Amino acid sequence: MNKPVGKTVAVVLAGGSGERFGEKTPKQFIAMGGKPLMMHCLLALQSSSLIDEIYVVSAKGYLDKTRDLLQSYHIAKAKAVIEGGATRKESSYRALLYLRRLRIDPDSYVLICDADRPNLTEDLIQRNVEAAKQTGAAVTAKQATDSILYSRQGAIVSEYFPRRMVFQAQTPQTFRFDIIFSAHKKANRSKEYDLYTDDASLVKALTSAKVAIVEGSNQNLKINTKDDEATFISMRRNRHE
């Protein structure tokens, strides 16, 4: 008898302060393109046939506001709002610990995405899930178009990397639960991994899983600054013309 396939859940990281955006209110709550920024991502996940449940990680002090928005926009797949940590890594781990307490099947898949990437598509979700089911881990990444260099001291070039071999990581990133939980559990034991800036880098460093690359694009924009907001609005305008 075949073992039942685990569910696929989405973890949406919406716990950032958004300091670079220059507003008192975290940017994920600011209206862009007719709705709060975070809702673009959440609505895409709500409408996806591949996502069974959604868990939102929010900043302390904004949990109720997040719950109110989820209700207002009818995000029925949202099962919980989880208080985030001081760093992105800590916020991801808190979500995974929450899922662990729910006794999630280790063979389930977790799609982790930034709340401030408003152009999430069903195609990108599908390619992530399919890739993760092949290798256990997948990262959306865009091939670098500029020359990339590395500097040990910050002022002198130490090394250039071949551009064809360099990619810029994006989200979503998707993992079998046991793999991503194991990576975060190990990372949590040592400050050595505090500088790792995404989930796929932890999986690469701390597990034997092969991390598949899912092709990203400039369309998969992350909103960090007012310039990014202007780019997003321009993208929406061009799509509707």
C-alpha atoms as a PDB file:
ATOM      1  CA  MET A   1       0.000   0.000   0.000  1.00  0.00           C
ATOM      2  CA  ASN A   2       1.427   3.373  -0.996  1.00  0.00           C
ATOM      3  CA  LYS A   3       2.033   5.915   1.761  1.00  0.00           C
ATOM      4  CA  PRO A   4      -0.310   8.930   1.478  1.00  0.00           C
ATOM      5  CA  VAL A   5       1.318  12.030   0.041  1.00  0.00           C
ATOM      6  CA  GLY A   6       1.790  14.818   2.590  1.00  0.00           C
ATOM      7  CA  LYS A   7       0.177  18.214   2.174  1.00  0.00           C
ATOM      8  CA  THR A   8       1.802  21.304   0.660  1.00  0.00           C
ATOM      9  CA  VAL A   9       1.746  24.355   2.921  1.00  0.00           C
ATOM     10  CA  ALA A  10       2.892  27.912   2.327  1.00  0.00           C
ATOM     11  CA  VAL A  11       4.775  29.973   4.902  1.00  0.00           C
ATOM     12  CA  VAL A  12       4.566  33.689   4.142  1.00  0.00           C
ATOM     13  CA  LEU A  13       7.241  35.797   5.824  1.00  0.00           C
ATOM     14  CA  ALA A  14       5.626  39.134   6.644  1.00  0.00           C
ATOM     15  CA  GLY A  15       7.509  39.999   9.816  1.00  0.00           C
ATOM     16  CA  GLY A  16       9.960  42.601   8.542  1.00  0.00           C
ATOM     17  CA  SER A  17      10.076  46.185   9.782  1.00  0.00           C
ATOM     18  CA  GLY A  18      10.562  47.605   6.277  1.00  0.00           C
ATOM     19  CA  GLU A  19      13.043  50.275   7.456  1.00  0.00           C
ATOM     20  CA  ARG A  20      14.549  50.692   3.993  1.00  0.00           C
ATOM     21  CA  PHE A  21      11.113  51.617   2.658  1.00  0.00           C
ATOM     22  CA  GLY A  22      11.080  54.748   4.784  1.00  0.00           C
ATOM     23  CA  GLU A  23       7.601  54.500   6.338  1.00  0.00           C
ATOM     24  CA  LYS A  24       6.485  54.096   9.958  1.00  0.00           C
ATOM     25  CA  THR A  25       4.107  51.297   8.980  1.00  0.00           C
ATOM     26  CA  PRO A  26       5.785  48.088   7.748  1.00  0.00           C
ATOM     27  CA  LYS A  27       5.623  48.054   3.957  1.00  0.00           C
ATOM     28  CA  GLN A  28       3.669  44.786   3.802  1.00  0.00           C
ATOM     29  CA  PHE A  29       0.617  46.667   5.111  1.00  0.00           C
ATOM     30  CA  ILE A  30       0.927  49.645   2.753  1.00  0.00           C
ATOM     31  CA  ALA A  31      -1.470  49.747  -0.204  1.00  0.00           C
ATOM     32  CA  MET A  32       0.200  49.101  -3.559  1.00  0.00           C
ATOM     33  CA  GLY A  33      -1.679  48.271  -6.720  1.00  0.00           C
ATOM     34  CA  GLY A  34      -5.018  48.590  -4.961  1.00  0.00           C
ATOM     35  CA  LYS A  35      -4.400  46.379  -1.925  1.00  0.00           C
ATOM     36  CA  PRO A  36      -1.935  45.928   0.960  1.00  0.00           C
ATOM     37  CA  LEU A  37       1.378  44.688  -0.445  1.00  0.00           C
ATOM     38  CA  MET A  38       1.278  41.337   1.338  1.00  0.00           C
ATOM     39  CA  MET A  39      -2.150  40.504  -0.079  1.00  0.00           C
ATOM     40  CA  HIS A  40      -0.858  40.085  -3.645  1.00  0.00           C
ATOM     41  CA  CYS A  41       1.226  37.095  -2.548  1.00  0.00           C
ATOM     42  CA  LEU A  42      -1.468  35.729  -0.242  1.00  0.00           C
ATOM     43  CA  LEU A  43      -4.196  35.907  -2.882  1.00  0.00           C
ATOM     44  CA  ALA A  44      -1.967  34.014  -5.322  1.00  0.00           C
ATOM     45  CA  LEU A  45      -1.470  31.278  -2.742  1.00  0.00           C
ATOM     46  CA  GLN A  46      -5.172  31.223  -1.871  1.00  0.00           C
ATOM     47  CA  SER A  47      -6.088  30.665  -5.524  1.00  0.00           C
ATOM     48  CA  SER A  48      -3.394  28.043  -6.163  1.00  0.00           C
ATOM     49  CA  SER A  49      -4.647  24.480  -6.527  1.00  0.00           C
ATOM     50  CA  LEU A  50      -1.294  23.230  -5.190  1.00  0.00           C
ATOM     51  CA  ILE A  51      -1.405  24.936  -1.780  1.00  0.00           C
ATOM     52  CA  ASP A  52      -3.400  23.272   0.982  1.00  0.00           C
ATOM     53  CA  GLU A  53      -2.747  25.629   3.897  1.00  0.00           C
ATOM     54  CA  ILE A  54      -1.133  29.019   4.562  1.00  0.00           C
ATOM     55  CA  TYR A  55       0.751  30.173   7.664  1.00  0.00           C
ATOM     56  CA  VAL A  56       1.691  33.835   7.974  1.00  0.00           C
ATOM     57  CA  VAL A  57       4.626  35.052  10.059  1.00  0.00           C
ATOM     58  CA  SER A  58       4.003  38.598  11.248  1.00  0.00           C
ATOM     59  CA  ALA A  59       5.845  41.146  13.370  1.00  0.00           C
ATOM     60  CA  LYS A  60       5.023  41.548  17.044  1.00  0.00           C
ATOM     61  CA  GLY A  61       2.383  44.240  17.379  1.00  0.00           C
ATOM     62  CA  TYR A  62       0.847  43.453  13.978  1.00  0.00           C
ATOM     63  CA  LEU A  63      -0.637  40.005  14.598  1.00  0.00           C
ATOM     64  CA  ASP A  64      -4.207  41.226  14.958  1.00  0.00           C
ATOM     65  CA  LYS A  65      -3.866  43.556  11.957  1.00  0.00           C
ATOM     66  CA  THR A  66      -2.647  40.606   9.903  1.00  0.00           C
ATOM     67  CA  ARG A  67      -5.561  38.435  11.052  1.00  0.00           C
ATOM     68  CA  ASP A  68      -8.013  41.199  10.168  1.00  0.00           C
ATOM     69  CA  LEU A  69      -6.587  41.464   6.652  1.00  0.00           C
ATOM     70  CA  LEU A  70      -6.730  37.707   6.135  1.00  0.00           C
ATOM     71  CA  GLN A  71     -10.396  37.780   7.084  1.00  0.00           C
ATOM     72  CA  SER A  72     -11.172  40.868   4.995  1.00  0.00           C
ATOM     73  CA  TYR A  73      -9.624  39.334   1.863  1.00  0.00           C
ATOM     74  CA  HIS A  74     -11.134  35.879   2.498  1.00  0.00           C
ATOM     75  CA  ILE A  75      -7.840  33.985   2.733  1.00  0.00           C
ATOM     76  CA  ALA A  76      -9.621  30.814   3.838  1.00  0.00           C
ATOM     77  CA  LYS A  77      -6.491  28.655   3.588  1.00  0.00           C
ATOM     78  CA  ALA A  78      -4.767  30.743   6.286  1.00  0.00           C
ATOM     79  CA  LYS A  79      -4.620  28.583   9.422  1.00  0.00           C
ATOM     80  CA  ALA A  80      -2.521  30.720  11.772  1.00  0.00           C
ATOM     81  CA  VAL A  81      -0.608  33.954  12.222  1.00  0.00           C
ATOM     82  CA  ILE A  82       2.725  33.325  13.931  1.00  0.00           C
ATOM     83  CA  GLU A  83       4.848  35.918  15.710  1.00  0.00           C
ATOM     84  CA  GLY A  84       8.136  36.393  13.893  1.00  0.00           C
ATOM     85  CA  GLY A  85      11.631  36.665  15.297  1.00  0.00           C
ATOM     86  CA  ALA A  86      14.400  39.222  15.169  1.00  0.00           C
ATOM     87  CA  THR A  87      15.786  37.857  11.884  1.00  0.00           C
ATOM     88  CA  ARG A  88      14.426  36.209   8.759  1.00  0.00           C
ATOM     89  CA  LYS A  89      16.081  32.944   9.773  1.00  0.00           C
ATOM     90  CA  GLU A  90      14.440  33.035  13.192  1.00  0.00           C
ATOM     91  CA  SER A  91      11.046  33.807  11.659  1.00  0.00           C
ATOM     92  CA  SER A  92      11.286  30.814   9.322  1.00  0.00           C
ATOM     93  CA  TYR A  93      12.319  28.565  12.194  1.00  0.00           C
ATOM     94  CA  ARG A  94       9.403  29.721  14.337  1.00  0.00           C
ATOM     95  CA  ALA A  95       7.003  28.795  11.548  1.00  0.00           C
ATOM     96  CA  LEU A  96       8.608  25.380  11.173  1.00  0.00           C
ATOM     97  CA  LEU A  97       8.437  24.774  14.923  1.00  0.00           C
ATOM     98  CA  TYR A  98       4.743  25.670  14.783  1.00  0.00           C
ATOM     99  CA  LEU A  99       4.188  23.128  12.002  1.00  0.00           C
ATOM    100  CA  ARG A 100       6.166  20.557  13.967  1.00  0.00           C
ATOM    101  CA  ARG A 101       3.851  21.045  16.964  1.00  0.00           C
ATOM    102  CA  LEU A 102       0.922  20.404  14.626  1.00  0.00           C
ATOM    103  CA  ARG A 103       2.566  17.051  13.817  1.00  0.00           C
ATOM    104  CA  ILE A 104       2.856  17.816  10.130  1.00  0.00           C
ATOM    105  CA  ASP A 105       3.803  14.804   8.038  1.00  0.00           C
ATOM    106  CA  PRO A 106       7.593  14.884   7.452  1.00  0.00           C
ATOM    107  CA  ASP A 107       6.876  14.141   3.792  1.00  0.00           C
ATOM    108  CA  SER A 108       4.829  17.313   3.426  1.00  0.00           C
ATOM    109  CA  TYR A 109       6.257  20.218   1.442  1.00  0.00           C
ATOM    110  CA  VAL A 110       6.758  23.758   2.676  1.00  0.00           C
ATOM    111  CA  LEU A 111       6.805  26.624   0.203  1.00  0.00           C
ATOM    112  CA  ILE A 112       8.410  29.660   1.879  1.00  0.00           C
ATOM    113  CA  CYS A 113       7.853  33.051   0.279  1.00  0.00           C
ATOM    114  CA  ASP A 114       8.444  36.720   1.006  1.00  0.00           C
ATOM    115  CA  ALA A 115       5.299  38.750   1.621  1.00  0.00           C
ATOM    116  CA  ASP A 116       6.884  41.631  -0.283  1.00  0.00           C
ATOM    117  CA  ARG A 117       7.131  39.787  -3.622  1.00  0.00           C
ATOM    118  CA  PRO A 118       3.776  40.752  -5.156  1.00  0.00           C
ATOM    119  CA  ASN A 119       4.145  39.033  -8.538  1.00  0.00           C
ATOM    120  CA  LEU A 120       3.929  35.428  -7.365  1.00  0.00           C
ATOM    121  CA  THR A 121       2.300  33.275 -10.057  1.00  0.00           C
ATOM    122  CA  GLU A 122       0.716  29.843 -10.253  1.00  0.00           C
ATOM    123  CA  ASP A 123       3.406  28.823 -12.731  1.00  0.00           C
ATOM    124  CA  LEU A 124       6.183  29.718 -10.292  1.00  0.00           C
ATOM    125  CA  ILE A 125       4.432  27.880  -7.469  1.00  0.00           C
ATOM    126  CA  GLN A 126       4.007  24.818  -9.673  1.00  0.00           C
ATOM    127  CA  ARG A 127       7.609  24.742 -10.847  1.00  0.00           C
ATOM    128  CA  ASN A 128       8.819  25.088  -7.246  1.00  0.00           C
ATOM    129  CA  VAL A 129       6.694  22.237  -5.967  1.00  0.00           C
ATOM    130  CA  GLU A 130       7.601  19.964  -8.869  1.00  0.00           C
ATOM    131  CA  ALA A 131      11.326  20.644  -8.449  1.00  0.00           C
ATOM    132  CA  ALA A 132      11.218  20.109  -4.680  1.00  0.00           C
ATOM    133  CA  LYS A 133       9.464  16.791  -5.141  1.00  0.00           C
ATOM    134  CA  GLN A 134      12.363  15.665  -7.345  1.00  0.00           C
ATOM    135  CA  THR A 135      15.263  16.628  -5.046  1.00  0.00           C
ATOM    136  CA  GLY A 136      13.731  17.592  -1.701  1.00  0.00           C
ATOM    137  CA  ALA A 137      14.658  21.255  -2.056  1.00  0.00           C
ATOM    138  CA  ALA A 138      14.237  24.046  -4.597  1.00  0.00           C
ATOM    139  CA  VAL A 139      15.201  27.705  -4.808  1.00  0.00           C
ATOM    140  CA  THR A 140      13.876  30.264  -7.243  1.00  0.00           C
ATOM    141  CA  ALA A 141      16.879  32.070  -8.707  1.00  0.00           C
ATOM    142  CA  LYS A 142      17.599  34.527 -11.501  1.00  0.00           C
ATOM    143  CA  GLN A 143      20.817  34.246 -13.472  1.00  0.00           C
ATOM    144  CA  ALA A 144      23.052  37.282 -12.908  1.00  0.00           C
ATOM    145  CA  THR A 145      23.181  39.789 -15.751  1.00  0.00           C
ATOM    146  CA  ASP A 146      25.934  41.975 -14.264  1.00  0.00           C
ATOM    147  CA  SER A 147      29.491  40.893 -13.553  1.00  0.00           C
ATOM    148  CA  ILE A 148      29.788  39.626  -9.970  1.00  0.00           C
ATOM    149  CA  LEU A 149      32.859  40.149  -7.849  1.00  0.00           C
ATOM    150  CA  TYR A 150      33.865  39.144  -4.336  1.00  0.00           C
ATOM    151  CA  SER A 151      35.849  41.241  -1.885  1.00  0.00           C
ATOM    152  CA  ARG A 152      37.224  39.959   1.426  1.00  0.00           C
ATOM    153  CA  GLN A 153      37.930  43.450   2.769  1.00  0.00           C
ATOM    154  CA  GLY A 154      35.226  45.466   1.060  1.00  0.00           C
ATOM    155  CA  ALA A 155      37.571  47.801  -0.838  1.00  0.00           C
ATOM    156  CA  ILE A 156      39.771  45.571  -2.995  1.00  0.00           C
ATOM    157  CA  VAL A 157      38.556  42.977  -5.501  1.00  0.00           C
ATOM    158  CA  SER A 158      39.417  39.485  -4.363  1.00  0.00           C
ATOM    159  CA  GLU A 159      37.824  37.495  -7.167  1.00  0.00           C
ATOM    160  CA  TYR A 160      35.435  37.712 -10.110  1.00  0.00           C
ATOM    161  CA  PHE A 161      32.915  34.934 -10.668  1.00  0.00           C
ATOM    162  CA  PRO A 162      31.915  33.647 -14.130  1.00  0.00           C
ATOM    163  CA  ARG A 163      28.554  35.304 -14.757  1.00  0.00           C
ATOM    164  CA  ARG A 164      27.029  32.219 -16.378  1.00  0.00           C
ATOM    165  CA  MET A 165      27.540  30.359 -13.075  1.00  0.00           C
ATOM    166  CA  VAL A 166      26.122  33.014 -10.726  1.00  0.00           C
ATOM    167  CA  PHE A 167      22.462  33.330  -9.728  1.00  0.00           C
ATOM    168  CA  GLN A 168      20.516  35.692  -7.478  1.00  0.00           C
ATOM    169  CA  ALA A 169      18.264  33.854  -5.033  1.00  0.00           C
ATOM    170  CA  GLN A 170      14.591  34.790  -4.834  1.00  0.00           C
ATOM    171  CA  THR A 171      11.510  33.213  -3.296  1.00  0.00           C
ATOM    172  CA  PRO A 172       9.514  31.040  -3.235  1.00  0.00           C
ATOM    173  CA  GLN A 173      11.817  28.338  -1.937  1.00  0.00           C
ATOM    174  CA  THR A 174      10.298  24.920  -1.404  1.00  0.00           C
ATOM    175  CA  PHE A 175      11.402  21.966   0.724  1.00  0.00           C
ATOM    176  CA  ARG A 176      10.301  18.635   2.051  1.00  0.00           C
ATOM    177  CA  PHE A 177       9.493  19.371   5.684  1.00  0.00           C
ATOM    178  CA  ASP A 178      11.989  16.993   7.279  1.00  0.00           C
ATOM    179  CA  ILE A 179      14.829  18.518   5.242  1.00  0.00           C
ATOM    180  CA  ILE A 180      14.136  22.183   5.983  1.00  0.00           C
ATOM    181  CA  PHE A 181      13.354  21.498   9.642  1.00  0.00           C
ATOM    182  CA  SER A 182      16.606  19.579  10.079  1.00  0.00           C
ATOM    183  CA  ALA A 183      18.613  22.432   8.519  1.00  0.00           C
ATOM    184  CA  HIS A 184      17.052  25.074  10.759  1.00  0.00           C
ATOM    185  CA  LYS A 185      17.378  22.944  13.882  1.00  0.00           C
ATOM    186  CA  LYS A 186      21.110  22.522  13.252  1.00  0.00           C
ATOM    187  CA  ALA A 187      21.552  26.210  12.394  1.00  0.00           C
ATOM    188  CA  ASN A 188      19.775  27.254  15.573  1.00  0.00           C
ATOM    189  CA  ARG A 189      22.497  25.594  17.635  1.00  0.00           C
ATOM    190  CA  SER A 190      25.267  27.846  16.329  1.00  0.00           C
ATOM    191  CA  LYS A 191      25.644  31.564  15.608  1.00  0.00           C
ATOM    192  CA  GLU A 192      27.926  30.521  12.746  1.00  0.00           C
ATOM    193  CA  TYR A 193      24.840  30.419  10.526  1.00  0.00           C
ATOM    194  CA  ASP A 194      23.372  33.807  11.493  1.00  0.00           C
ATOM    195  CA  LEU A 195      24.748  35.367   8.307  1.00  0.00           C
ATOM    196  CA  TYR A 196      22.879  32.932   6.061  1.00  0.00           C
ATOM    197  CA  THR A 197      20.181  35.039   4.440  1.00  0.00           C
ATOM    198  CA  ASP A 198      17.734  32.478   3.070  1.00  0.00           C
ATOM    199  CA  ASP A 199      16.403  29.000   3.727  1.00  0.00           C
ATOM    200  CA  ALA A 200      18.001  27.316   0.730  1.00  0.00           C
ATOM    201  CA  SER A 201      21.481  28.367   1.874  1.00  0.00           C
ATOM    202  CA  LEU A 202      20.916  26.553   5.175  1.00  0.00           C
ATOM    203  CA  VAL A 203      19.716  23.420   3.404  1.00  0.00           C
ATOM    204  CA  LYS A 204      22.762  23.508   1.142  1.00  0.00           C
ATOM    205  CA  ALA A 205      25.140  23.972   4.087  1.00  0.00           C
ATOM    206  CA  LEU A 206      23.592  21.603   6.605  1.00  0.00           C
ATOM    207  CA  THR A 207      21.924  18.726   4.729  1.00  0.00           C
ATOM    208  CA  SER A 208      22.788  16.334   1.944  1.00  0.00           C
ATOM    209  CA  ALA A 209      19.829  17.445  -0.183  1.00  0.00           C
ATOM    210  CA  LYS A 210      20.497  18.760  -3.664  1.00  0.00           C
ATOM    211  CA  VAL A 211      18.906  22.195  -4.080  1.00  0.00           C
ATOM    212  CA  ALA A 212      17.279  22.468  -7.504  1.00  0.00           C
ATOM    213  CA  ILE A 213      17.212  25.847  -9.260  1.00  0.00           C
ATOM    214  CA  VAL A 214      13.828  27.088 -10.451  1.00  0.00           C
ATOM    215  CA  GLU A 215      14.201  29.850 -13.015  1.00  0.00           C
ATOM    216  CA  GLY A 216      13.161  33.239 -11.635  1.00  0.00           C
ATOM    217  CA  SER A 217      12.940  36.576 -13.384  1.00  0.00           C
ATOM    218  CA  ASN A 218      12.953  40.342 -13.008  1.00  0.00           C
ATOM    219  CA  GLN A 219       9.160  40.118 -12.807  1.00  0.00           C
ATOM    220  CA  ASN A 220       9.510  38.359  -9.459  1.00  0.00           C
ATOM    221  CA  LEU A 221      10.284  41.692  -7.852  1.00  0.00           C
ATOM    222  CA  LYS A 222      10.982  42.216  -4.142  1.00  0.00           C
ATOM    223  CA  ILE A 223       9.753  45.535  -2.791  1.00  0.00           C
ATOM    224  CA  ASN A 224      12.490  47.072  -0.646  1.00  0.00           C
ATOM    225  CA  THR A 225      12.435  50.742  -1.652  1.00  0.00           C
ATOM    226  CA  LYS A 226      10.190  53.405  -3.179  1.00  0.00           C
ATOM    227  CA  ASP A 227      11.928  52.766  -6.513  1.00  0.00           C
ATOM    228  CA  ASP A 228      10.844  49.123  -6.311  1.00  0.00           C
ATOM    229  CA  GLU A 229       7.276  50.257  -5.667  1.00  0.00           C
ATOM    230  CA  ALA A 230       7.395  52.483  -8.754  1.00  0.00           C
ATOM    231  CA  THR A 231       8.685  49.542 -10.816  1.00  0.00           C
ATOM    232  CA  PHE A 232       5.874  47.316  -9.546  1.00  0.00           C
ATOM    233  CA  ILE A 233       3.200  49.897 -10.365  1.00  0.00           C
ATOM    234  CA  SER A 234       4.706  50.330 -13.831  1.00  0.00           C
ATOM    235  CA  MET A 235       4.635  46.548 -14.374  1.00  0.00           C
ATOM    236  CA  ARG A 236       0.945  46.421 -13.431  1.00  0.00           C
ATOM    237  CA  ARG A 237       0.120  49.341 -15.691  1.00  0.00           C
ATOM    238  CA  ASN A 238       1.889  47.714 -18.658  1.00  0.00           C
ATOM    239  CA  ARG A 239       0.046  44.417 -18.095  1.00  0.00           C
ATOM    240  CA  HIS A 240      -3.327  46.159 -18.168  1.00  0.00           C
ATOM    241  CA  GLU A 241      -2.700  48.348 -21.209  1.00  0.00           C
END
